[in-house]
N, C-alpha and C. Protein backbone atom coordinates (compact mmCIF):
# COMPACT_ATOMS: atom_id res chain seq x y z
N MET A 1 0.76 -1.12 0.11
CA MET A 1 -0.06 0.04 -0.04
C MET A 1 0.74 1.11 0.20
N LYS A 2 1.95 1.09 0.71
CA LYS A 2 2.97 2.44 0.66
C LYS A 2 3.55 2.88 -0.51
N ILE A 3 3.75 1.85 -1.40
CA ILE A 3 4.26 1.81 -2.57
C ILE A 3 3.40 2.46 -3.65
N LEU A 4 1.94 1.75 -3.38
CA LEU A 4 1.02 2.26 -4.47
C LEU A 4 0.71 3.93 -4.07
N LYS A 5 0.79 4.29 -2.89
CA LYS A 5 0.52 5.69 -2.60
C LYS A 5 1.79 6.65 -3.00
N GLN A 6 2.98 6.25 -2.97
CA GLN A 6 4.30 6.85 -3.51
C GLN A 6 3.92 6.97 -4.94
N VAL A 7 3.39 5.98 -5.74
CA VAL A 7 3.40 6.07 -7.17
C VAL A 7 2.16 7.04 -7.57
N LYS A 8 1.07 7.04 -6.64
CA LYS A 8 0.08 7.90 -6.99
C LYS A 8 0.54 9.45 -6.74
N GLN A 9 1.40 9.71 -5.78
CA GLN A 9 2.06 11.03 -5.53
C GLN A 9 3.01 11.45 -6.56
N THR A 10 3.68 10.61 -6.98
CA THR A 10 4.65 10.69 -8.22
C THR A 10 3.99 11.18 -9.53
N GLU A 11 2.96 10.11 -9.57
CA GLU A 11 2.06 10.44 -10.89
C GLU A 11 1.29 12.04 -10.91
N GLU A 12 0.78 12.29 -9.54
CA GLU A 12 0.06 13.50 -9.53
C GLU A 12 1.35 14.60 -9.79
N LYS A 13 2.25 14.56 -9.16
CA LYS A 13 3.31 15.62 -9.51
C LYS A 13 3.70 15.71 -10.84
N LEU A 14 4.03 14.53 -11.52
CA LEU A 14 4.46 14.59 -13.10
C LEU A 14 3.08 15.19 -13.71
N ARG A 15 2.13 14.73 -13.32
CA ARG A 15 0.70 15.32 -14.13
C ARG A 15 0.61 16.89 -14.03
N ASN A 16 0.87 17.28 -12.86
CA ASN A 16 0.85 18.84 -12.54
C ASN A 16 2.04 19.58 -13.39
N THR A 17 3.17 19.01 -13.53
CA THR A 17 4.32 19.52 -14.03
C THR A 17 3.88 19.47 -15.48
N PHE A 18 3.45 18.31 -16.17
CA PHE A 18 3.04 18.15 -17.54
C PHE A 18 2.01 19.32 -18.02
N LEU A 19 1.04 19.72 -16.92
CA LEU A 19 -0.20 20.65 -17.17
C LEU A 19 0.52 22.03 -17.25
N ALA A 20 1.46 22.17 -16.37
CA ALA A 20 2.02 23.72 -16.34
C ALA A 20 2.76 23.78 -17.55
N LYS A 21 3.61 22.95 -17.73
CA LYS A 21 4.38 23.02 -19.33
C LYS A 21 3.47 23.12 -20.48
N LYS A 22 2.29 22.54 -20.55
CA LYS A 22 1.36 22.64 -21.45
C LYS A 22 0.73 23.89 -21.55
N ARG A 23 0.23 24.67 -20.45
CA ARG A 23 0.02 25.95 -20.40
C ARG A 23 1.00 26.90 -20.95
N GLU A 24 2.31 26.74 -20.92
CA GLU A 24 3.28 27.64 -21.28
C GLU A 24 3.25 27.57 -22.81
N ALA A 25 3.46 26.07 -23.26
CA ALA A 25 3.47 25.80 -24.76
C ALA A 25 2.28 26.51 -25.43
N ILE A 26 0.81 26.41 -24.87
CA ILE A 26 -0.09 26.94 -25.46
C ILE A 26 0.09 28.54 -25.37
N ASN A 27 0.62 29.24 -24.57
CA ASN A 27 0.67 30.64 -24.56
C ASN A 27 2.03 31.32 -25.03
N LEU A 28 2.79 30.30 -25.78
CA LEU A 28 3.94 30.70 -26.46
C LEU A 28 3.89 31.45 -27.36
N ASP A 29 3.06 31.40 -28.29
CA ASP A 29 2.84 31.96 -29.61
C ASP A 29 2.54 33.31 -29.19
N ILE A 30 1.47 33.50 -28.22
CA ILE A 30 1.32 34.95 -27.81
C ILE A 30 2.18 35.63 -27.18
N ILE A 31 3.19 34.98 -26.28
CA ILE A 31 4.11 35.64 -25.73
C ILE A 31 5.08 36.28 -26.65
N LYS A 32 5.25 35.32 -27.82
CA LYS A 32 6.30 35.62 -28.73
C LYS A 32 5.86 37.02 -29.48
N LYS A 33 4.47 36.87 -29.95
CA LYS A 33 4.00 38.00 -30.57
C LYS A 33 4.00 39.32 -29.57
N GLN A 34 3.61 39.23 -28.45
CA GLN A 34 3.81 40.43 -27.26
C GLN A 34 5.25 40.93 -27.66
N LEU A 35 6.42 39.61 -27.37
CA LEU A 35 7.65 40.26 -27.28
C LEU A 35 8.00 41.19 -28.67
N MET A 36 7.65 40.61 -29.94
CA MET A 36 7.79 41.29 -31.33
C MET A 36 7.12 42.66 -31.05
N THR A 37 6.04 42.67 -30.72
CA THR A 37 5.29 44.04 -30.83
C THR A 37 5.96 44.90 -29.78
N ARG A 38 6.47 44.44 -28.64
CA ARG A 38 7.40 45.31 -27.65
C ARG A 38 8.59 45.75 -28.29
N SER A 39 9.39 44.95 -28.91
CA SER A 39 10.52 45.29 -29.57
C SER A 39 10.52 46.39 -30.64
N SER A 40 9.24 46.25 -31.48
CA SER A 40 8.93 47.05 -32.60
C SER A 40 8.75 48.48 -31.94
N LEU A 41 8.06 48.55 -30.93
CA LEU A 41 7.57 49.64 -30.19
C LEU A 41 8.69 50.32 -29.73
N LEU A 42 9.69 49.65 -29.10
CA LEU A 42 10.88 50.17 -28.34
C LEU A 42 11.77 50.82 -29.59
N GLY A 43 11.77 50.24 -30.99
CA GLY A 43 12.55 50.80 -31.75
C GLY A 43 11.96 51.93 -32.23
N VAL A 44 10.61 52.04 -32.28
CA VAL A 44 9.77 53.38 -32.80
C VAL A 44 10.14 54.54 -31.59
N ALA A 45 10.03 54.13 -30.46
CA ALA A 45 10.48 55.08 -29.40
C ALA A 45 11.83 55.45 -29.39
N GLN A 46 12.80 54.76 -29.80
CA GLN A 46 14.30 55.19 -29.94
C GLN A 46 14.34 56.13 -31.08
N ALA A 47 13.58 55.69 -32.08
CA ALA A 47 13.77 56.53 -33.21
C ALA A 47 13.25 58.10 -33.16
N ILE A 48 12.18 57.97 -32.32
CA ILE A 48 11.64 59.31 -32.06
C ILE A 48 12.31 60.24 -31.13
N ALA A 49 12.68 59.82 -30.39
CA ALA A 49 13.99 60.13 -29.34
C ALA A 49 14.98 60.77 -30.01
N GLU A 50 15.56 60.06 -30.92
CA GLU A 50 16.79 60.27 -31.71
C GLU A 50 16.45 61.66 -32.57
N GLN A 51 15.18 61.49 -33.15
CA GLN A 51 14.65 62.71 -33.94
C GLN A 51 14.30 63.79 -33.21
N ILE A 52 14.01 63.88 -32.10
CA ILE A 52 13.75 64.94 -31.29
C ILE A 52 14.93 65.74 -30.91
N GLY A 53 15.89 64.56 -30.53
CA GLY A 53 17.30 65.17 -30.17
C GLY A 53 17.75 65.92 -31.32
N MET A 54 17.84 65.37 -32.59
CA MET A 54 18.42 66.00 -33.78
C MET A 54 17.70 67.48 -34.06
N ASP A 55 16.37 67.35 -33.73
CA ASP A 55 15.45 68.59 -33.90
C ASP A 55 16.05 69.66 -33.13
N ALA A 56 16.14 69.35 -31.79
CA ALA A 56 16.62 70.43 -30.67
C ALA A 56 17.97 70.80 -31.13
N LEU A 57 18.73 69.67 -31.60
CA LEU A 57 20.20 70.39 -31.87
C LEU A 57 20.24 71.11 -33.09
N LEU A 58 19.36 71.05 -34.18
CA LEU A 58 19.46 71.96 -35.26
C LEU A 58 18.91 73.21 -34.95
N THR A 59 17.71 73.41 -34.09
CA THR A 59 17.37 74.46 -33.52
C THR A 59 18.29 75.11 -32.92
N ASP A 60 19.03 74.63 -31.95
CA ASP A 60 20.19 75.36 -31.39
C ASP A 60 20.98 76.03 -32.28
N ILE A 61 21.53 75.08 -33.10
CA ILE A 61 22.43 75.72 -34.28
C ILE A 61 21.89 76.85 -35.04
N ASN A 62 20.63 76.93 -35.35
CA ASN A 62 20.13 77.97 -36.35
C ASN A 62 20.00 79.30 -35.17
N GLN A 63 19.61 79.28 -34.05
CA GLN A 63 19.33 80.28 -33.08
C GLN A 63 20.66 81.00 -33.01
N GLN A 64 21.82 80.05 -32.70
CA GLN A 64 23.13 80.69 -32.57
C GLN A 64 23.49 81.44 -33.87
N VAL A 65 23.32 80.85 -34.97
CA VAL A 65 23.79 81.41 -36.40
C VAL A 65 23.00 82.73 -36.43
N TRP A 66 21.68 82.85 -36.26
CA TRP A 66 20.97 83.91 -36.52
C TRP A 66 21.27 85.07 -35.23
N GLY A 67 21.59 84.60 -34.08
CA GLY A 67 22.00 85.38 -32.94
C GLY A 67 23.27 86.36 -33.20
N VAL A 68 24.10 85.97 -34.11
CA VAL A 68 25.32 86.74 -34.47
C VAL A 68 25.10 87.22 -35.92
N ALA A 69 24.23 87.17 -36.48
CA ALA A 69 23.88 87.70 -37.92
C ALA A 69 24.83 87.36 -38.98
N CYS A 70 24.80 85.82 -38.77
CA CYS A 70 25.21 84.99 -39.70
C CYS A 70 24.12 84.02 -40.61
N GLN A 71 24.60 83.54 -41.77
CA GLN A 71 23.66 82.88 -42.54
C GLN A 71 24.34 81.47 -42.87
N PHE A 72 23.44 80.61 -43.16
CA PHE A 72 23.77 79.39 -43.64
C PHE A 72 24.08 79.43 -45.12
N ASP A 73 25.37 78.84 -45.55
CA ASP A 73 25.52 78.68 -46.87
C ASP A 73 25.45 77.42 -47.47
N LEU A 74 25.65 76.52 -46.70
CA LEU A 74 25.60 74.81 -46.77
C LEU A 74 24.91 74.25 -45.71
N PHE A 75 23.78 73.36 -45.79
CA PHE A 75 23.14 72.78 -45.08
C PHE A 75 22.71 71.52 -45.57
N ARG A 76 23.53 70.43 -45.32
CA ARG A 76 23.35 69.16 -46.17
C ARG A 76 23.35 67.94 -45.12
N PRO A 77 22.32 67.09 -44.85
CA PRO A 77 22.43 66.08 -44.04
C PRO A 77 22.79 65.05 -44.97
N VAL A 78 23.61 64.03 -44.44
CA VAL A 78 23.94 62.81 -45.04
C VAL A 78 23.12 61.72 -44.53
N LEU A 79 23.13 60.51 -45.32
CA LEU A 79 22.46 59.52 -44.88
C LEU A 79 22.68 58.78 -43.52
N LYS A 80 21.47 58.36 -42.98
CA LYS A 80 21.66 57.88 -41.38
C LYS A 80 22.04 56.33 -41.51
N TRP A 81 22.79 56.01 -40.34
CA TRP A 81 23.33 54.93 -40.25
C TRP A 81 23.22 54.48 -38.77
N ARG A 82 22.99 53.13 -38.44
CA ARG A 82 22.74 52.61 -36.94
C ARG A 82 24.29 52.13 -36.77
N THR A 83 24.54 52.50 -35.30
CA THR A 83 25.83 51.69 -34.79
C THR A 83 25.26 51.49 -33.40
N GLY A 84 25.25 50.01 -33.44
CA GLY A 84 24.90 49.72 -31.81
C GLY A 84 23.42 50.02 -31.73
N CYS A 85 23.37 50.68 -30.48
CA CYS A 85 21.97 51.26 -30.40
C CYS A 85 21.55 52.73 -30.48
N SER A 86 22.54 53.46 -31.41
CA SER A 86 22.44 54.60 -31.70
C SER A 86 22.21 54.89 -33.35
N LEU A 87 21.63 56.00 -33.69
CA LEU A 87 21.70 56.33 -35.01
C LEU A 87 22.38 57.73 -35.27
N LYS A 88 23.29 57.44 -36.32
CA LYS A 88 24.00 58.65 -36.56
C LYS A 88 23.76 59.32 -37.91
N GLN A 89 23.80 60.55 -37.91
CA GLN A 89 23.63 61.26 -39.23
C GLN A 89 24.40 62.57 -39.24
N PRO A 90 25.43 62.43 -39.96
CA PRO A 90 26.33 63.82 -40.17
C PRO A 90 25.64 64.79 -40.96
N ILE A 91 25.81 65.89 -40.73
CA ILE A 91 25.45 67.08 -41.28
C ILE A 91 26.50 68.12 -41.83
N SER A 92 26.56 68.39 -43.13
CA SER A 92 27.77 69.40 -43.53
C SER A 92 27.05 70.79 -43.44
N ILE A 93 27.72 71.47 -42.54
CA ILE A 93 27.32 73.04 -42.47
C ILE A 93 28.19 74.26 -42.89
N LYS A 94 28.05 75.06 -43.55
CA LYS A 94 28.73 76.13 -43.93
C LYS A 94 28.19 77.48 -43.44
N VAL A 95 28.71 78.25 -42.36
CA VAL A 95 27.97 79.31 -42.08
C VAL A 95 28.92 80.57 -42.50
N THR A 96 28.34 81.58 -42.98
CA THR A 96 29.35 82.87 -43.08
C THR A 96 28.67 84.14 -42.50
N GLY A 97 29.56 85.04 -42.24
CA GLY A 97 29.09 86.36 -41.69
C GLY A 97 30.14 87.06 -40.63
N LYS A 98 29.92 88.09 -40.06
CA LYS A 98 31.05 88.64 -39.26
C LYS A 98 30.52 88.25 -38.06
N LEU A 99 31.64 88.12 -36.96
CA LEU A 99 31.30 88.03 -35.60
C LEU A 99 31.78 89.28 -34.79
């Protein structure tokens, strides 16, 4: 009788483990979709933050140039590229005027 009781307990543990893993497997597709959605939203948020930073930088440059009565002779953004988790975009600027 003791052996039968131990076997039933082992069976119950294995059944519970199986059911828990089955629930995880059923939800795996949903979890993967959520992860992909979060990853894409994070990429969009990073791009927006980088663009906001670029806009603020360009505004500061423009205000400084106009503040000293200069003018832009050249303003040429170059193609963007990603390095690691940051986005780089060089800009060629030529400003003329008297300081």
